[in-house]
Amino acid sequence: MALEYGFFNAVENSGTYDREVGQVFFTELLKAVFKTGISPNSFIASAGTGLTVNLTSGRGAINGVFFCDTSASTVTLTAATGTRTDLIVARLNTASRNVEIAVKQGTTAAASNEVAIATATVTGSAITSVSNATRKNIIDSGIPNISYGTEEPTGGSHGDIYYKIES
């Protein structure tokens, strides 16, 4: 799994910091661009073998933190006594500075630091159904077109973050 996420505050290591701009700046910036949710055709869930749920690659955002996974992944559920519905979520953890895919057993409610990916019904040691959560365009439709790329603008330095707004 190659889940990528960001932005988080700098951490000091031997007197130097691993980044110059803090999390608050970027999350406030990105909240204006990205709405919390999972993009269309992202993290599509399907029943795998046994108690596994397969997820396609995808992208989303939680509270201004963008995340993406460029490869397919698998989530493993646990057996149920009787029938149980579990919620598969992407969870933002600002303390450990990451976004993770997690399973919430026996609930269909996501917390404010989570976004629902799918629900899975488990009966005994088998998955009997998988339903994908609602997907939406996470780019705010009220903003101009934003483009980004690998070409550095004139005057830019390698590693600079930049964007271009087209109206």
Foldseek 3Di string as FASTA:
>chain_A
DAKDKDDAAWDDDPRDTPDDDHRVVQLVVQVLWFDFFWAPPFQAWDDDPWQKIKTAWGWGDASSMIMTDHGIDIDGDDFDAAKAKKWWKFFQDRVVGDTDTDIGTRDHDDDSRIYTAWMWMHGGRHTPDIGGDDHDHGTPPPFADKDDDDDDDVPDDPPDDDIDGDD
